[in-house]
């Protein structure tokens, strides 16, 4: 008689089941580990895709801003030219002696204004508006009964924006209480 015969059929089955249980639990542990690693790899992949998409968006935004504001320094210098032309017209003040020069200055100023418009340069002329330190530079505060306090009474020098970005603030006289 063999030992399996002495212990009965249950002994052999219990031994096989015991060994099978250990193998099953190690397989389940390996499966759980593999699933966990696969989940981590998937999360890393999703993060990498999201990071790549964010980089792409930032790059497109940077390129767009570089394109829109590439002429900022040049535009800032042209503003002085426009100011000089406007002062020449104001100084002429309707005198007939220099009518040819006056006509030339007016034509040049119109061309420059059209160029500003094409380039996205707009004037900031805030007369009567509430003083805004983001777009205005207060030169003097004057007592006034015509406008409420902290309003722009007079523009000394126009301000300019390039596609909404401030190139030069408007220099203004601000009202205050009498």
N, C-alpha and C. Protein backbone atom coordinates (compact mmCIF):
# COMPACT_ATOMS: atom_id res chain seq x y z
N UNK A 1 0.81 -1.17 0.00
CA UNK A 1 0.00 0.00 0.00
C UNK A 1 0.86 1.24 0.00
N UNK A 2 0.37 2.19 -0.73
CA UNK A 2 1.12 3.44 -0.79
C UNK A 2 0.59 4.38 0.26
N UNK A 3 1.30 5.44 0.46
CA UNK A 3 0.90 6.41 1.49
C UNK A 3 -0.39 7.10 1.08
N UNK A 4 -0.57 7.33 -0.18
CA UNK A 4 -1.81 7.96 -0.64
C UNK A 4 -2.98 7.04 -0.36
N UNK A 5 -2.75 5.70 -0.49
CA UNK A 5 -3.81 4.77 -0.21
C UNK A 5 -4.13 4.77 1.26
N UNK A 6 -3.10 4.88 2.11
CA UNK A 6 -3.31 4.88 3.55
C UNK A 6 -4.06 6.11 4.00
N UNK A 7 -3.72 7.27 3.48
CA UNK A 7 -4.36 8.51 3.91
C UNK A 7 -5.70 8.75 3.20
N UNK A 8 -5.94 8.04 2.18
CA UNK A 8 -7.21 8.17 1.47
C UNK A 8 -7.06 9.12 0.30
N UNK A 9 -8.10 9.19 -0.52
CA UNK A 9 -8.03 10.02 -1.70
C UNK A 9 -7.97 11.52 -1.37
N UNK A 10 -8.44 11.93 -0.20
CA UNK A 10 -8.43 13.35 0.14
C UNK A 10 -7.03 13.90 0.33
N UNK A 11 -6.11 13.11 0.80
CA UNK A 11 -4.76 13.57 1.07
C UNK A 11 -4.09 14.00 -0.21
N UNK A 12 -4.22 13.24 -1.26
CA UNK A 12 -3.61 13.60 -2.54
C UNK A 12 -4.23 14.84 -3.12
N UNK A 13 -5.53 14.98 -2.96
CA UNK A 13 -6.23 16.13 -3.48
C UNK A 13 -5.85 17.37 -2.71
N UNK A 14 -5.75 17.27 -1.43
CA UNK A 14 -5.40 18.42 -0.59
C UNK A 14 -4.00 18.88 -0.93
N UNK A 15 -3.08 17.93 -1.17
CA UNK A 15 -1.71 18.32 -1.50
C UNK A 15 -1.67 19.04 -2.84
N UNK A 16 -2.41 18.56 -3.83
CA UNK A 16 -2.43 19.18 -5.14
C UNK A 16 -3.11 20.55 -5.06
N UNK A 17 -4.17 20.64 -4.28
CA UNK A 17 -4.88 21.92 -4.15
C UNK A 17 -4.00 22.93 -3.43
N UNK A 18 -3.26 22.49 -2.45
CA UNK A 18 -2.37 23.38 -1.71
C UNK A 18 -1.30 23.94 -2.62
N UNK A 19 -0.71 23.16 -3.46
CA UNK A 19 0.31 23.62 -4.38
C UNK A 19 -0.31 24.52 -5.43
N UNK A 20 -1.50 24.17 -5.90
CA UNK A 20 -2.20 24.97 -6.90
C UNK A 20 -2.58 26.33 -6.31
N UNK A 21 -2.93 26.42 -5.08
CA UNK A 21 -3.30 27.69 -4.43
C UNK A 21 -2.13 28.64 -4.38
N UNK A 22 -0.94 28.15 -4.13
CA UNK A 22 0.25 28.98 -4.09
C UNK A 22 0.56 29.51 -5.48
N UNK A 23 0.43 28.65 -6.49
CA UNK A 23 0.69 29.05 -7.86
C UNK A 23 -0.34 30.10 -8.31
N UNK A 24 -1.60 29.88 -7.94
CA UNK A 24 -2.65 30.83 -8.31
C UNK A 24 -2.40 32.19 -7.67
N UNK A 25 -2.04 32.22 -6.42
CA UNK A 25 -1.83 33.51 -5.73
C UNK A 25 -0.61 34.24 -6.29
N UNK A 26 0.43 33.52 -6.67
CA UNK A 26 1.60 34.19 -7.26
C UNK A 26 1.26 34.72 -8.65
N UNK A 27 0.41 34.00 -9.39
CA UNK A 27 -0.03 34.48 -10.70
C UNK A 27 -0.92 35.72 -10.55
N UNK A 28 -1.79 35.68 -9.56
CA UNK A 28 -2.66 36.84 -9.32
C UNK A 28 -1.84 38.06 -8.91
N UNK A 29 -0.82 37.85 -8.11
CA UNK A 29 0.06 38.95 -7.70
C UNK A 29 0.82 39.50 -8.89
N UNK A 30 1.30 38.61 -9.75
CA UNK A 30 2.02 39.05 -10.95
C UNK A 30 1.08 39.81 -11.89
N UNK A 31 -0.15 39.33 -12.01
CA UNK A 31 -1.15 40.00 -12.84
C UNK A 31 -1.46 41.39 -12.29
N UNK A 32 -1.65 41.49 -10.99
CA UNK A 32 -1.94 42.79 -10.35
C UNK A 32 -0.77 43.75 -10.55
N UNK A 33 0.45 43.26 -10.44
CA UNK A 33 1.64 44.09 -10.64
C UNK A 33 1.70 44.57 -12.09
N UNK A 34 1.45 43.66 -13.01
CA UNK A 34 1.49 44.02 -14.44
C UNK A 34 0.40 45.03 -14.77
N UNK A 35 -0.79 44.85 -14.20
CA UNK A 35 -1.88 45.80 -14.43
C UNK A 35 -1.54 47.17 -13.85
N UNK A 36 -0.94 47.17 -12.68
CA UNK A 36 -0.54 48.44 -12.05
C UNK A 36 0.52 49.16 -12.89
N UNK A 37 1.48 48.40 -13.39
CA UNK A 37 2.52 48.99 -14.24
C UNK A 37 1.93 49.51 -15.56
N UNK A 38 0.99 48.77 -16.11
CA UNK A 38 0.33 49.21 -17.35
C UNK A 38 -0.46 50.49 -17.10
N UNK A 39 -1.15 50.57 -15.96
CA UNK A 39 -1.90 51.78 -15.61
C UNK A 39 -0.96 52.98 -15.45
N UNK A 40 0.17 52.77 -14.78
CA UNK A 40 1.16 53.84 -14.61
C UNK A 40 1.71 54.29 -15.96
N UNK A 41 2.00 53.34 -16.83
CA UNK A 41 2.52 53.67 -18.16
C UNK A 41 1.47 54.46 -18.94
N UNK A 42 0.22 54.10 -18.83
CA UNK A 42 -0.87 54.81 -19.51
C UNK A 42 -0.98 56.25 -18.98
N UNK A 43 -0.90 56.40 -17.65
CA UNK A 43 -0.96 57.75 -17.06
C UNK A 43 0.22 58.60 -17.51
N UNK A 44 1.40 58.00 -17.58
CA UNK A 44 2.58 58.72 -18.06
C UNK A 44 2.40 59.12 -19.52
N UNK A 45 1.82 58.25 -20.31
CA UNK A 45 1.57 58.54 -21.72
C UNK A 45 0.58 59.71 -21.84
N UNK A 46 -0.49 59.69 -21.07
CA UNK A 46 -1.48 60.78 -21.11
C UNK A 46 -0.85 62.10 -20.68
N UNK A 47 -0.02 62.07 -19.63
CA UNK A 47 0.67 63.29 -19.19
C UNK A 47 1.60 63.81 -20.27
N UNK A 48 2.31 62.90 -20.93
CA UNK A 48 3.22 63.31 -22.01
C UNK A 48 2.44 63.94 -23.16
N UNK A 49 1.30 63.37 -23.51
CA UNK A 49 0.46 63.95 -24.58
C UNK A 49 -0.05 65.32 -24.17
N UNK A 50 -0.49 65.45 -22.92
CA UNK A 50 -0.99 66.74 -22.44
C UNK A 50 0.13 67.79 -22.43
N UNK A 51 1.31 67.38 -22.01
CA UNK A 51 2.45 68.30 -21.99
C UNK A 51 2.83 68.72 -23.41
N UNK A 52 2.78 67.79 -24.34
CA UNK A 52 3.08 68.10 -25.73
C UNK A 52 2.05 69.07 -26.30
N UNK A 53 0.79 68.86 -25.99
CA UNK A 53 -0.28 69.75 -26.46
C UNK A 53 -0.12 71.15 -25.86
N UNK A 54 0.21 71.22 -24.57
CA UNK A 54 0.45 72.53 -23.94
C UNK A 54 1.63 73.24 -24.58
N UNK A 55 2.69 72.51 -24.87
CA UNK A 55 3.86 73.08 -25.53
C UNK A 55 3.49 73.62 -26.91
N UNK A 56 2.69 72.85 -27.64
CA UNK A 56 2.26 73.27 -28.97
C UNK A 56 1.45 74.57 -28.88
N UNK A 57 0.53 74.64 -27.94
CA UNK A 57 -0.29 75.85 -27.77
C UNK A 57 0.57 77.05 -27.39
N UNK A 58 1.51 76.84 -26.44
CA UNK A 58 2.40 77.94 -26.03
C UNK A 58 3.23 78.42 -27.21
N UNK A 59 3.73 77.48 -28.00
CA UNK A 59 4.54 77.86 -29.17
C UNK A 59 3.73 78.66 -30.16
N UNK A 60 2.51 78.23 -30.44
CA UNK A 60 1.65 78.97 -31.36
C UNK A 60 1.35 80.37 -30.82
N UNK A 61 1.10 80.47 -29.52
CA UNK A 61 0.83 81.78 -28.91
C UNK A 61 2.07 82.67 -28.99
N UNK A 62 3.24 82.11 -28.72
CA UNK A 62 4.48 82.89 -28.79
C UNK A 62 4.75 83.37 -30.21
N UNK A 63 4.51 82.51 -31.18
CA UNK A 63 4.71 82.89 -32.58
C UNK A 63 3.74 84.01 -32.96
N UNK A 64 2.49 83.88 -32.54
CA UNK A 64 1.49 84.91 -32.85
C UNK A 64 1.87 86.24 -32.20
N UNK A 65 2.32 86.21 -30.95
CA UNK A 65 2.72 87.45 -30.29
C UNK A 65 3.95 88.04 -30.94
N UNK A 66 4.89 87.22 -31.33
CA UNK A 66 6.09 87.73 -32.01
C UNK A 66 5.71 88.40 -33.32
N UNK A 67 4.76 87.80 -34.02
CA UNK A 67 4.31 88.39 -35.28
C UNK A 67 3.58 89.71 -35.03
N UNK A 68 2.71 89.75 -34.03
CA UNK A 68 1.91 90.95 -33.78
C UNK A 68 2.75 92.10 -33.25
N UNK A 69 3.78 91.80 -32.46
CA UNK A 69 4.53 92.86 -31.79
C UNK A 69 5.95 93.02 -32.31
N UNK A 70 6.25 92.44 -33.45
CA UNK A 70 7.60 92.51 -34.00
C UNK A 70 8.00 93.95 -34.33
N UNK A 71 7.05 94.78 -34.68
CA UNK A 71 7.34 96.15 -35.08
C UNK A 71 7.21 97.15 -33.92
N UNK A 72 7.16 96.68 -32.72
CA UNK A 72 6.91 97.56 -31.58
C UNK A 72 7.94 98.69 -31.46
N UNK A 73 9.22 98.38 -31.55
CA UNK A 73 10.25 99.41 -31.42
C UNK A 73 10.17 100.40 -32.59
N UNK A 74 10.00 99.88 -33.79
CA UNK A 74 9.88 100.74 -34.97
C UNK A 74 8.64 101.63 -34.87
N UNK A 75 7.54 101.05 -34.43
CA UNK A 75 6.31 101.82 -34.28
C UNK A 75 6.48 102.91 -33.24
N UNK A 76 7.19 102.62 -32.17
CA UNK A 76 7.45 103.63 -31.14
C UNK A 76 8.22 104.82 -31.69
N UNK A 77 9.14 104.57 -32.60
CA UNK A 77 9.91 105.66 -33.21
C UNK A 77 9.06 106.45 -34.20
N UNK A 78 8.15 105.79 -34.89
CA UNK A 78 7.27 106.50 -35.83
C UNK A 78 6.31 107.45 -35.12
N UNK A 79 5.98 107.14 -33.90
CA UNK A 79 5.07 108.00 -33.15
C UNK A 79 5.65 109.41 -33.03
N UNK A 80 6.95 109.51 -32.81
CA UNK A 80 7.60 110.82 -32.72
C UNK A 80 7.49 111.59 -34.04
N UNK A 81 7.60 110.88 -35.15
CA UNK A 81 7.47 111.52 -36.46
C UNK A 81 6.05 112.08 -36.62
N UNK A 82 5.07 111.30 -36.24
CA UNK A 82 3.68 111.74 -36.34
C UNK A 82 3.45 112.96 -35.45
N UNK A 83 4.00 112.94 -34.24
CA UNK A 83 3.87 114.09 -33.34
C UNK A 83 4.45 115.34 -33.98
N UNK A 84 5.62 115.23 -34.59
CA UNK A 84 6.26 116.39 -35.22
C UNK A 84 5.42 116.94 -36.36
N UNK A 85 4.85 116.05 -37.16
CA UNK A 85 4.00 116.50 -38.25
C UNK A 85 2.76 117.22 -37.73
N UNK A 86 2.17 116.68 -36.68
CA UNK A 86 0.99 117.32 -36.09
C UNK A 86 1.34 118.68 -35.50
N UNK A 87 2.51 118.80 -34.86
CA UNK A 87 2.93 120.10 -34.31
C UNK A 87 3.20 121.10 -35.43
N UNK A 88 3.76 120.63 -36.56
CA UNK A 88 3.99 121.54 -37.69
C UNK A 88 2.67 122.07 -38.22
N UNK A 89 1.67 121.22 -38.30
CA UNK A 89 0.36 121.67 -38.75
C UNK A 89 -0.26 122.65 -37.76
N UNK A 90 -0.12 122.36 -36.48
CA UNK A 90 -0.69 123.24 -35.46
C UNK A 90 0.03 124.59 -35.44
N UNK A 91 1.34 124.59 -35.65
CA UNK A 91 2.11 125.83 -35.64
C UNK A 91 1.79 126.68 -36.86
N UNK A 92 1.48 126.05 -37.97
CA UNK A 92 1.15 126.78 -39.20
C UNK A 92 -0.12 127.59 -38.97
N UNK A 93 -1.08 126.98 -38.32
CA UNK A 93 -2.29 127.66 -37.88
C UNK A 93 -3.03 128.45 -38.94
N UNK A 94 -3.08 128.02 -40.17
CA UNK A 94 -3.88 128.69 -41.18
C UNK A 94 -3.17 129.82 -41.90
N UNK A 95 -1.87 129.98 -41.70
CA UNK A 95 -1.14 131.03 -42.42
C UNK A 95 -1.01 130.64 -43.88
N UNK A 96 -1.21 131.59 -44.78
CA UNK A 96 -1.19 131.30 -46.21
C UNK A 96 0.22 131.20 -46.78
N UNK A 97 1.23 131.70 -46.08
CA UNK A 97 2.59 131.78 -46.62
C UNK A 97 3.16 130.41 -46.97
N UNK A 98 2.91 129.44 -46.18
CA UNK A 98 3.51 128.13 -46.45
C UNK A 98 2.48 127.11 -46.87
N UNK A 99 1.55 127.47 -47.72
CA UNK A 99 0.46 126.57 -48.07
C UNK A 99 0.95 125.30 -48.75
N UNK A 100 2.01 125.38 -49.55
CA UNK A 100 2.54 124.18 -50.22
C UNK A 100 3.17 123.25 -49.19
N UNK A 101 3.91 123.83 -48.26
CA UNK A 101 4.51 123.02 -47.19
C UNK A 101 3.41 122.41 -46.33
N UNK A 102 2.42 123.21 -46.03
CA UNK A 102 1.29 122.75 -45.22
C UNK A 102 0.58 121.58 -45.91
N UNK A 103 0.35 121.67 -47.20
CA UNK A 103 -0.30 120.59 -47.94
C UNK A 103 0.56 119.32 -47.92
N UNK A 104 1.87 119.49 -48.03
CA UNK A 104 2.78 118.34 -47.98
C UNK A 104 2.77 117.66 -46.62
N UNK A 105 2.77 118.48 -45.57
CA UNK A 105 2.73 117.93 -44.21
C UNK A 105 1.41 117.19 -43.99
N UNK A 106 0.31 117.78 -44.44
CA UNK A 106 -0.99 117.12 -44.29
C UNK A 106 -1.04 115.79 -45.03
N UNK A 107 -0.52 115.76 -46.25
CA UNK A 107 -0.50 114.51 -47.03
C UNK A 107 0.37 113.46 -46.35
N UNK A 108 1.53 113.88 -45.84
CA UNK A 108 2.43 112.95 -45.14
C UNK A 108 1.76 112.41 -43.88
N UNK A 109 1.09 113.27 -43.17
CA UNK A 109 0.40 112.85 -41.95
C UNK A 109 -0.72 111.86 -42.27
N UNK A 110 -1.45 112.06 -43.34
CA UNK A 110 -2.51 111.13 -43.74
C UNK A 110 -1.91 109.77 -44.09
N UNK A 111 -0.81 109.76 -44.83
CA UNK A 111 -0.15 108.50 -45.19
C UNK A 111 0.34 107.76 -43.94
N UNK A 112 0.92 108.52 -43.03
CA UNK A 112 1.41 107.90 -41.80
C UNK A 112 0.24 107.35 -40.98
N UNK A 113 -0.86 108.09 -40.93
CA UNK A 113 -2.05 107.61 -40.23
C UNK A 113 -2.59 106.32 -40.83
N UNK A 114 -2.59 106.24 -42.16
CA UNK A 114 -3.05 105.02 -42.83
C UNK A 114 -2.11 103.85 -42.53
N UNK A 115 -0.82 104.13 -42.49
CA UNK A 115 0.16 103.08 -42.16
C UNK A 115 -0.04 102.60 -40.73
N UNK A 116 -0.30 103.53 -39.82
CA UNK A 116 -0.56 103.16 -38.43
C UNK A 116 -1.78 102.24 -38.36
N UNK A 117 -2.82 102.59 -39.08
CA UNK A 117 -4.05 101.80 -39.05
C UNK A 117 -3.79 100.38 -39.57
N UNK A 118 -3.04 100.24 -40.64
CA UNK A 118 -2.73 98.92 -41.20
C UNK A 118 -1.90 98.09 -40.22
N UNK A 119 -1.02 98.76 -39.49
CA UNK A 119 -0.14 98.05 -38.56
C UNK A 119 -0.81 97.75 -37.22
N UNK A 120 -2.04 98.24 -37.02
CA UNK A 120 -2.75 97.99 -35.76
C UNK A 120 -2.38 98.98 -34.67
N UNK A 121 -1.88 100.16 -35.05
CA UNK A 121 -1.53 101.20 -34.07
C UNK A 121 -2.73 102.13 -33.95
N UNK A 122 -3.22 102.29 -32.74
CA UNK A 122 -4.37 103.17 -32.50
C UNK A 122 -4.00 104.25 -31.49
N UNK A 123 -4.67 105.39 -31.61
CA UNK A 123 -4.42 106.52 -30.71
C UNK A 123 -5.22 106.36 -29.43
N UNK A 124 -4.67 106.88 -28.34
CA UNK A 124 -5.37 106.96 -27.07
C UNK A 124 -5.57 108.45 -26.81
N UNK A 125 -6.81 108.92 -26.99
CA UNK A 125 -7.15 110.33 -26.77
C UNK A 125 -8.30 110.34 -25.76
N UNK A 126 -7.98 110.39 -24.47
CA UNK A 126 -8.99 110.17 -23.43
C UNK A 126 -9.70 111.41 -22.89
N UNK A 127 -9.81 112.48 -23.64
CA UNK A 127 -10.44 113.69 -23.14
C UNK A 127 -11.85 113.39 -22.62
N UNK A 128 -12.10 113.79 -21.37
CA UNK A 128 -13.41 113.59 -20.75
C UNK A 128 -13.57 112.24 -20.06
N UNK A 129 -12.69 111.30 -20.31
CA UNK A 129 -12.79 109.98 -19.69
C UNK A 129 -12.22 110.00 -18.28
N UNK A 130 -12.49 108.96 -17.52
CA UNK A 130 -11.91 108.80 -16.19
C UNK A 130 -10.43 108.45 -16.35
N UNK A 131 -9.59 109.04 -15.52
CA UNK A 131 -8.16 108.78 -15.57
C UNK A 131 -7.89 107.30 -15.31
N UNK A 132 -7.09 106.68 -16.17
CA UNK A 132 -6.72 105.27 -16.05
C UNK A 132 -5.20 105.19 -16.09
N UNK A 133 -4.53 104.90 -14.97
CA UNK A 133 -3.07 104.88 -14.94
C UNK A 133 -2.44 103.84 -15.85
N UNK A 134 -3.21 102.87 -16.32
CA UNK A 134 -2.66 101.87 -17.26
C UNK A 134 -2.42 102.48 -18.63
N UNK A 135 -3.22 103.49 -19.00
CA UNK A 135 -3.12 104.08 -20.33
C UNK A 135 -2.81 105.57 -20.34
N UNK A 136 -2.84 106.19 -19.16
CA UNK A 136 -2.64 107.64 -19.07
C UNK A 136 -1.51 107.96 -18.10
N UNK A 137 -0.82 109.06 -18.37
CA UNK A 137 0.20 109.56 -17.47
C UNK A 137 -0.22 110.97 -17.07
N UNK A 138 -0.50 111.16 -15.78
CA UNK A 138 -0.95 112.46 -15.30
C UNK A 138 0.24 113.40 -15.19
N UNK A 139 0.14 114.53 -15.88
CA UNK A 139 1.20 115.53 -15.85
C UNK A 139 0.89 116.59 -14.78
N UNK A 140 -0.38 116.98 -14.69
CA UNK A 140 -0.82 118.02 -13.78
C UNK A 140 -2.23 117.69 -13.32
N UNK A 141 -2.57 118.09 -12.10
CA UNK A 141 -3.95 117.99 -11.62
C UNK A 141 -4.46 119.42 -11.45
N UNK A 142 -5.57 119.73 -12.10
CA UNK A 142 -6.13 121.09 -12.08
C UNK A 142 -7.51 121.05 -11.47
N UNK A 143 -7.85 122.08 -10.68
CA UNK A 143 -9.23 122.14 -10.16
C UNK A 143 -10.21 122.39 -11.31
N UNK A 144 -11.36 121.72 -11.24
CA UNK A 144 -12.35 121.87 -12.30
C UNK A 144 -13.74 121.66 -11.75
N UNK A 145 -14.68 122.50 -12.24
CA UNK A 145 -16.08 122.32 -11.89
C UNK A 145 -16.84 121.69 -13.06
N UNK A 146 -16.21 121.63 -14.24
CA UNK A 146 -16.86 121.09 -15.44
C UNK A 146 -16.94 119.57 -15.43
N UNK A 147 -15.90 118.91 -14.94
CA UNK A 147 -15.84 117.45 -14.94
C UNK A 147 -15.68 116.93 -13.52
N UNK A 148 -16.12 115.70 -13.26
CA UNK A 148 -15.92 115.12 -11.93
C UNK A 148 -14.42 114.93 -11.65
N UNK A 149 -14.05 114.87 -10.38
CA UNK A 149 -12.63 114.66 -10.04
C UNK A 149 -12.11 113.37 -10.68
N UNK A 150 -10.83 113.38 -11.00
CA UNK A 150 -10.12 112.24 -11.59
C UNK A 150 -10.55 111.97 -13.03
N UNK A 151 -10.98 113.02 -13.73
CA UNK A 151 -11.30 112.90 -15.15
C UNK A 151 -10.21 113.61 -15.95
N UNK A 152 -10.06 113.23 -17.21
CA UNK A 152 -9.06 113.84 -18.09
C UNK A 152 -9.63 115.14 -18.63
N UNK A 153 -9.00 116.26 -18.26
CA UNK A 153 -9.42 117.58 -18.74
C UNK A 153 -8.87 117.86 -20.13
N UNK A 154 -7.59 117.56 -20.30
CA UNK A 154 -6.92 117.89 -21.56
C UNK A 154 -5.82 116.87 -21.83
N UNK A 155 -5.64 116.56 -23.11
CA UNK A 155 -4.56 115.65 -23.52
C UNK A 155 -3.39 116.51 -23.99
N UNK A 156 -2.26 116.36 -23.31
CA UNK A 156 -1.05 117.09 -23.70
C UNK A 156 -0.36 116.39 -24.86
N UNK A 157 -0.30 115.05 -24.77
CA UNK A 157 0.32 114.24 -25.83
C UNK A 157 -0.47 112.93 -25.94
N UNK A 158 -0.87 112.58 -27.14
CA UNK A 158 -1.65 111.37 -27.37
C UNK A 158 -0.86 110.13 -26.96
N UNK A 159 -1.59 109.12 -26.56
CA UNK A 159 -0.98 107.82 -26.30
C UNK A 159 -1.25 106.91 -27.49
N UNK A 160 -0.55 105.79 -27.53
CA UNK A 160 -0.72 104.85 -28.65
C UNK A 160 -0.71 103.41 -28.16
N UNK A 161 -1.52 102.60 -28.83
CA UNK A 161 -1.59 101.16 -28.58
C UNK A 161 -1.19 100.43 -29.85
N UNK A 162 -0.48 99.32 -29.70
CA UNK A 162 -0.17 98.43 -30.82
C UNK A 162 -0.91 97.13 -30.56
N UNK A 163 -1.97 96.89 -31.33
CA UNK A 163 -2.80 95.70 -31.15
C UNK A 163 -3.24 95.54 -29.70
N UNK A 164 -3.62 96.63 -29.08
CA UNK A 164 -4.09 96.59 -27.70
C UNK A 164 -3.01 96.70 -26.64
N UNK A 165 -1.76 96.64 -27.01
CA UNK A 165 -0.65 96.75 -26.07
C UNK A 165 -0.14 98.19 -26.07
N UNK A 166 0.07 98.74 -24.89
CA UNK A 166 0.46 100.14 -24.76
C UNK A 166 1.87 100.38 -25.29
N UNK A 167 1.97 101.32 -26.26
CA UNK A 167 3.28 101.76 -26.75
C UNK A 167 3.73 102.98 -25.97
N UNK A 168 2.80 103.93 -25.80
CA UNK A 168 3.10 105.15 -25.07
C UNK A 168 1.82 105.61 -24.39
N UNK A 169 1.89 105.94 -23.09
CA UNK A 169 0.68 106.42 -22.42
C UNK A 169 0.34 107.84 -22.88
N UNK A 170 -0.93 108.18 -22.83
CA UNK A 170 -1.35 109.54 -23.13
C UNK A 170 -0.96 110.42 -21.94
N UNK A 171 -0.32 111.54 -22.22
CA UNK A 171 0.06 112.48 -21.17
C UNK A 171 -1.09 113.48 -21.04
N UNK A 172 -1.64 113.57 -19.82
CA UNK A 172 -2.89 114.30 -19.64
C UNK A 172 -2.87 115.23 -18.43
N UNK A 173 -3.82 116.16 -18.46
CA UNK A 173 -4.12 116.99 -17.29
C UNK A 173 -5.38 116.42 -16.69
N UNK A 174 -5.35 116.17 -15.37
CA UNK A 174 -6.43 115.50 -14.68
C UNK A 174 -7.18 116.51 -13.80
N UNK A 175 -8.50 116.35 -13.72
CA UNK A 175 -9.29 117.25 -12.89
C UNK A 175 -9.23 116.81 -11.42
N UNK A 176 -9.38 117.82 -10.57
CA UNK A 176 -9.51 117.53 -9.14
C UNK A 176 -10.54 118.51 -8.59
N UNK A 177 -10.95 118.29 -7.37
CA UNK A 177 -11.96 119.17 -6.76
C UNK A 177 -11.40 120.57 -6.58
N UNK A 178 -12.23 121.59 -6.78
CA UNK A 178 -11.76 122.98 -6.61
C UNK A 178 -11.40 123.30 -5.17
